[in-house]
Amino acid sequence: MADKVFLVIGAGAGIGGHAAARFARGGYHAVLARRSDQAGLEKLVRAIEEDGGKASGTLLDAAADGTIEELVERVERDIEPIAGALYNLGAQIGNRPLGDTPHRTFELGWRLGCFGLFRLAHALTPRMVERGSGAILVTSATAAVRGNAGQHSHAAAMGGRRMLCQTLNAEFGPQGIHVAHVVVDGSVDAPDTLGKLLGDRFEAYKAAKGEDGVIDPRALAETYWHLAHQPRNCWTHEIDVRPFTDVPWWNDNPPAAIDTRSR
C-alpha cells in the first residue's frame, strides 16, 4: 500500500490523529490537515514517522474557498493517489439559544459541517471513480440524528452531513466508492477538543465516567480501518459507536424520576 494516501481533514490529537497513525501503520502515506497549531501537527507527523510510517502535515482553513480543492490537487500531484479520506472536522460553535446565534455563526457551522464535505467529495470522487475504488469516511455526531435546544447550527450541519453521505452513497457506491457515516454517540478522550472544553476538569470527568467510559480514539481508529477495507459485497454505510456504559441516543431520554443516563 506504499503507493496510497490516506487524507485526514481535521487531524487533531484525538480521532483524526489516531486514524492517521492507524492507516500509516497499515502502509498508507498519511496526510494530516488541521486548522492551527503547527507544533501539534508536527508532533503527530513525527510520532508516525518514529513508528516507521510515512506522513505529511499541512495547516488548512477548510472554511476558506479553494483550500480543500487545492489540497486534494497537491496531494495527488506531489505524493500519491488518495485511496481513502477521513472528513473529521467538527462544527460545534457552542450551545446557543436561537436569539444568540448570528447568521454568520450559523453559516460557519454549515461550512465546516456540511459544505466542506461536499467540496472534498466534489474534488476527490472524479479521481476515485476513474480508479474504480476509494473510501470516504465521515466522522459525525449525535446531533446528526437528534437536535437539542441550543444546537441549531450544529444539528443543522450534522444532519446535512448525514444526508449528504446518503446521497453520495447513492451516486458513487455503484461506482466502487465506499462512503461511511460514523455517528460518534459519546464523549471522546481527545485533549484538544473535549480536553480543551473541560480544561482542568478533564481528568476528573474521565474518572467519573469509569473504566472504558469514554471513547478511546485509538480504538475508534480500528473501526475506521475496518470500514475502509470491507469487501464490496458487505459495506457498512452508517455505524454508531459509544462506550458500553452509555445509553444510545434514541433511548437517552427516560422520565426524570428514573433517569439512568450516563452523560
Protein backbone atom coordinates (compact mmCIF):
# COMPACT_ATOMS: atom_id res chain seq x y z
CA MET A 1 0.00 0.00 0.00
CA ALA A 2 3.00 2.33 -0.17
CA ASP A 3 1.56 3.99 -3.26
CA LYS A 4 -1.66 5.05 -1.49
CA VAL A 5 -2.54 8.08 0.59
CA PHE A 6 -4.95 8.39 3.49
CA LEU A 7 -6.01 12.02 3.85
CA VAL A 8 -7.35 13.31 7.16
CA ILE A 9 -9.09 16.69 7.23
CA GLY A 10 -9.39 17.56 10.90
CA ALA A 11 -6.27 15.84 12.22
CA GLY A 12 -6.21 16.75 15.88
CA ALA A 13 -4.72 14.73 18.72
CA GLY A 14 -7.93 12.69 19.09
CA ILE A 15 -9.84 10.86 16.36
CA GLY A 16 -8.08 12.37 13.35
CA GLY A 17 -4.55 11.90 14.58
CA HIS A 18 -5.12 8.32 15.71
CA ALA A 19 -6.86 7.40 12.45
CA ALA A 20 -3.91 8.79 10.50
CA ALA A 21 -1.49 6.77 12.64
CA ARG A 22 -3.52 3.58 12.15
CA PHE A 23 -3.55 3.89 8.38
CA ALA A 24 0.16 4.72 8.37
CA ARG A 25 0.81 1.52 10.31
CA GLY A 26 -1.14 -0.27 7.59
CA GLY A 27 1.17 1.03 4.88
CA TYR A 28 -0.51 4.23 3.72
CA HIS A 29 1.14 7.63 3.48
CA ALA A 30 -0.91 9.65 5.95
CA VAL A 31 -1.57 13.29 5.09
CA LEU A 32 -2.76 15.25 8.11
CA ALA A 33 -4.54 18.59 7.72
CA ARG A 34 -5.69 20.80 10.56
CA ARG A 35 -6.64 24.45 11.02
CA SER A 36 -3.99 25.57 13.51
CA ASP A 37 -1.19 24.54 15.91
CA GLN A 38 1.81 23.85 13.68
CA ALA A 39 3.73 22.41 16.63
CA GLY A 40 0.94 19.96 17.44
CA LEU A 41 0.75 18.92 13.78
CA GLU A 42 4.49 18.33 13.59
CA LYS A 43 4.30 16.24 16.76
CA LEU A 44 1.69 13.94 15.18
CA VAL A 45 3.70 13.59 11.97
CA ARG A 46 6.91 12.90 13.89
CA ALA A 47 5.22 10.20 16.00
CA ILE A 48 4.03 8.40 12.86
CA GLU A 49 7.50 8.56 11.31
CA GLU A 50 9.14 7.32 14.51
CA ASP A 51 6.74 4.37 14.38
CA GLY A 52 8.03 3.53 10.90
CA GLY A 53 5.23 5.11 8.88
CA LYS A 54 5.04 7.82 6.25
CA ALA A 55 3.27 11.09 6.99
CA SER A 56 2.98 14.70 5.89
CA GLY A 57 1.22 17.60 7.57
CA THR A 58 -0.32 20.87 6.44
CA LEU A 59 -2.32 23.67 8.02
CA LEU A 60 -5.68 24.19 6.32
CA ASP A 61 -8.50 26.69 6.73
CA ALA A 62 -11.25 24.42 5.42
CA ALA A 63 -13.85 27.20 5.55
CA ALA A 64 -11.94 29.30 3.01
CA ASP A 65 -12.77 28.96 -0.67
CA GLY A 66 -10.50 26.70 -2.69
CA THR A 67 -8.39 25.32 0.14
CA ILE A 68 -9.74 21.76 0.20
CA GLU A 69 -9.65 21.55 -3.58
CA GLU A 70 -6.05 22.79 -3.69
CA LEU A 71 -5.04 20.26 -1.03
CA VAL A 72 -6.51 17.34 -2.99
CA GLU A 73 -4.79 18.53 -6.17
CA ARG A 74 -1.45 18.97 -4.39
CA VAL A 75 -1.52 15.58 -2.67
CA GLU A 76 -2.44 13.74 -5.86
CA ARG A 77 0.26 15.60 -7.80
CA ASP A 78 3.11 15.62 -5.30
CA ILE A 79 2.61 12.48 -3.18
CA GLU A 80 0.37 9.62 -4.34
CA PRO A 81 -3.29 8.92 -5.21
CA ILE A 82 -5.74 9.37 -2.34
CA ALA A 83 -7.19 5.92 -1.70
CA GLY A 84 -9.02 6.93 1.46
CA ALA A 85 -10.07 10.14 3.15
CA LEU A 86 -11.48 10.98 6.56
CA TYR A 87 -13.56 14.13 6.94
CA ASN A 88 -13.25 14.74 10.66
CA LEU A 89 -13.93 18.46 11.04
CA GLY A 90 -16.10 19.48 13.96
CA ALA A 91 -18.85 22.06 13.53
CA GLN A 92 -19.66 22.78 17.16
CA ILE A 93 -19.99 26.54 17.64
CA GLY A 94 -21.27 26.26 21.20
CA ASN A 95 -24.60 25.87 22.96
CA ARG A 96 -26.54 28.97 21.91
CA PRO A 97 -30.21 29.93 22.02
CA LEU A 98 -31.62 30.96 18.65
CA GLY A 99 -31.56 34.66 19.51
CA ASP A 100 -27.85 34.41 20.30
CA THR A 101 -26.96 32.66 17.05
CA PRO A 102 -25.95 35.27 14.45
CA HIS A 103 -26.36 34.41 10.78
CA ARG A 104 -22.61 34.34 10.28
CA THR A 105 -22.11 31.91 13.18
CA PHE A 106 -24.82 29.58 11.92
CA GLU A 107 -23.27 29.65 8.45
CA LEU A 108 -19.82 28.81 9.81
CA GLY A 109 -21.21 25.63 11.34
CA TRP A 110 -22.69 24.68 7.96
CA ARG A 111 -19.47 25.49 6.11
CA LEU A 112 -17.43 23.24 8.38
CA GLY A 113 -20.02 20.54 8.95
CA CYS A 114 -21.59 20.09 5.55
CA PHE A 115 -20.20 22.27 2.77
CA GLY A 116 -16.60 21.20 3.42
CA LEU A 117 -17.55 17.55 2.94
CA PHE A 118 -19.35 18.48 -0.28
CA ARG A 119 -16.21 20.22 -1.51
CA LEU A 120 -13.99 17.26 -0.61
CA ALA A 121 -16.30 14.87 -2.43
CA HIS A 122 -16.55 17.21 -5.42
CA ALA A 123 -12.75 17.31 -5.73
CA LEU A 124 -12.00 13.69 -4.88
CA THR A 125 -14.74 11.47 -6.31
CA PRO A 126 -13.87 12.01 -10.01
CA ARG A 127 -10.38 10.72 -9.30
CA MET A 128 -11.66 7.76 -7.31
CA VAL A 129 -14.24 6.90 -9.97
CA GLU A 130 -11.51 6.91 -12.60
CA ARG A 131 -9.53 4.46 -10.47
CA GLY A 132 -12.63 2.39 -9.67
CA SER A 133 -12.17 2.41 -5.90
CA GLY A 134 -11.85 4.58 -2.81
CA ALA A 135 -13.24 5.21 0.64
CA ILE A 136 -14.60 8.43 2.14
CA LEU A 137 -15.10 8.12 5.88
CA VAL A 138 -17.05 10.80 7.75
CA THR A 139 -16.99 11.44 11.48
CA SER A 140 -20.37 12.63 12.72
CA ALA A 141 -22.18 13.18 16.00
CA THR A 142 -25.38 12.52 17.89
CA ALA A 143 -26.62 15.87 16.57
CA ALA A 144 -26.87 14.29 13.10
CA VAL A 145 -29.84 12.26 14.28
CA ARG A 146 -31.22 14.34 17.17
CA GLY A 147 -31.37 18.10 17.50
CA ASN A 148 -31.34 19.50 21.04
CA ALA A 149 -32.05 23.02 22.27
CA GLY A 150 -29.14 25.36 21.72
CA GLN A 151 -27.74 23.23 18.90
CA HIS A 152 -29.33 24.96 15.91
CA SER A 153 -26.14 25.36 13.89
CA HIS A 154 -24.53 22.09 14.95
CA ALA A 155 -27.61 19.92 14.41
CA ALA A 156 -28.36 21.50 11.03
CA ALA A 157 -24.75 20.99 9.91
CA MET A 158 -24.52 17.40 11.16
CA GLY A 159 -27.94 16.48 9.81
CA GLY A 160 -26.89 17.87 6.46
CA ARG A 161 -23.64 15.91 6.69
CA ARG A 162 -25.57 12.70 7.23
CA MET A 163 -27.92 13.29 4.31
CA LEU A 164 -25.01 14.26 2.08
CA CYS A 165 -23.36 10.93 2.90
CA GLN A 166 -26.54 9.15 1.84
CA THR A 167 -26.71 10.97 -1.49
CA LEU A 168 -23.02 10.34 -2.13
CA ASN A 169 -23.59 6.66 -1.41
CA ALA A 170 -26.49 6.54 -3.82
CA GLU A 171 -24.45 8.08 -6.62
CA PHE A 172 -20.99 6.68 -6.08
CA GLY A 173 -21.48 3.36 -4.29
CA PRO A 174 -22.31 1.60 -7.58
CA GLN A 175 -19.11 3.08 -9.00
CA GLY A 176 -16.94 1.48 -6.31
CA ILE A 177 -16.65 4.37 -3.84
CA HIS A 178 -17.43 3.47 -0.24
CA VAL A 179 -18.87 6.31 1.86
CA ALA A 180 -19.31 5.58 5.58
CA HIS A 181 -21.02 7.88 8.09
CA VAL A 182 -19.82 7.30 11.68
CA VAL A 183 -22.08 8.63 14.44
CA VAL A 184 -19.86 9.16 17.48
CA ASP A 185 -22.53 8.98 20.18
CA GLY A 186 -20.44 9.70 23.25
CA SER A 187 -17.50 11.56 24.75
CA VAL A 188 -14.08 11.06 23.17
CA ASP A 189 -10.79 11.13 25.06
CA ALA A 190 -9.38 13.94 22.91
CA PRO A 191 -7.14 16.51 24.62
CA ASP A 192 -7.64 19.27 22.04
CA THR A 193 -11.44 19.03 21.86
CA LEU A 194 -13.13 17.71 24.99
CA GLY A 195 -9.95 18.31 26.96
CA LYS A 196 -9.82 21.93 25.87
CA LEU A 197 -13.54 22.38 26.61
CA LEU A 198 -13.30 20.98 30.15
CA GLY A 199 -9.86 22.32 31.00
CA ASP A 200 -8.69 21.26 34.45
CA ARG A 201 -11.90 19.26 34.92
CA PHE A 202 -11.00 16.86 32.09
CA GLU A 203 -9.27 14.18 34.17
CA ALA A 204 -11.98 14.29 36.85
CA TYR A 205 -14.64 13.89 34.15
CA LYS A 206 -12.94 10.79 32.74
CA ALA A 207 -12.53 9.33 36.21
CA ALA A 208 -16.23 9.85 36.94
CA LYS A 209 -17.14 8.04 33.71
CA GLY A 210 -15.24 4.99 34.94
CA GLU A 211 -13.05 2.46 33.16
CA ASP A 212 -13.83 2.34 29.43
CA GLY A 213 -16.49 5.00 29.97
CA VAL A 214 -15.01 7.40 27.40
CA ILE A 215 -14.35 6.55 23.74
CA ASP A 216 -10.67 5.79 23.13
CA PRO A 217 -9.71 7.36 19.77
CA ARG A 218 -7.07 4.68 19.23
CA ALA A 219 -9.78 2.02 19.46
CA LEU A 220 -12.09 4.05 17.22
CA ALA A 221 -9.32 4.21 14.61
CA GLU A 222 -9.67 0.44 14.24
CA THR A 223 -13.30 0.96 13.25
CA TYR A 224 -12.25 3.39 10.51
CA TRP A 225 -9.63 0.93 9.28
CA HIS A 226 -12.22 -1.84 9.12
CA LEU A 227 -14.72 0.33 7.25
CA ALA A 228 -12.14 1.31 4.64
CA HIS A 229 -11.26 -2.33 3.97
CA GLN A 230 -14.65 -4.02 3.96
CA PRO A 231 -15.38 -6.21 0.94
CA ARG A 232 -17.73 -4.55 -1.55
CA ASN A 233 -20.39 -7.20 -1.01
CA CYS A 234 -20.68 -6.24 2.68
CA TRP A 235 -20.29 -2.47 3.03
CA THR A 236 -21.39 -0.57 6.11
CA HIS A 237 -22.75 2.87 5.23
CA GLU A 238 -23.66 4.07 8.72
CA ILE A 239 -22.49 3.00 12.15
CA ASP A 240 -22.79 4.44 15.64
CA VAL A 241 -20.28 3.98 18.45
CA ARG A 242 -20.38 4.73 22.16
CA PRO A 243 -18.91 3.41 25.44
CA PHE A 244 -20.64 0.29 26.76
CA THR A 245 -22.00 2.22 29.75
CA ASP A 246 -23.77 4.88 27.68
CA VAL A 247 -27.43 4.84 26.67
CA PRO A 248 -27.94 5.11 22.88
CA TRP A 249 -29.18 8.44 21.54
CA TRP A 250 -32.58 7.03 20.57
CA ASN A 251 -33.27 5.89 24.13
CA ASP A 252 -31.48 8.65 26.03
CA ASN A 253 -34.49 10.50 27.42
CA PRO A 254 -36.13 8.42 30.19
CA PRO A 255 -38.53 10.04 32.69
CA ALA A 256 -36.75 12.26 35.22
CA ALA A 257 -37.79 10.01 38.12
CA ILE A 258 -35.84 7.08 36.69
CA ASP A 259 -33.12 8.98 34.83
CA THR A 260 -30.34 6.47 34.17
CA ARG A 261 -28.35 8.43 31.64
CA SER A 262 -24.61 8.17 31.92
CA ARG A 263 -23.92 11.50 30.22
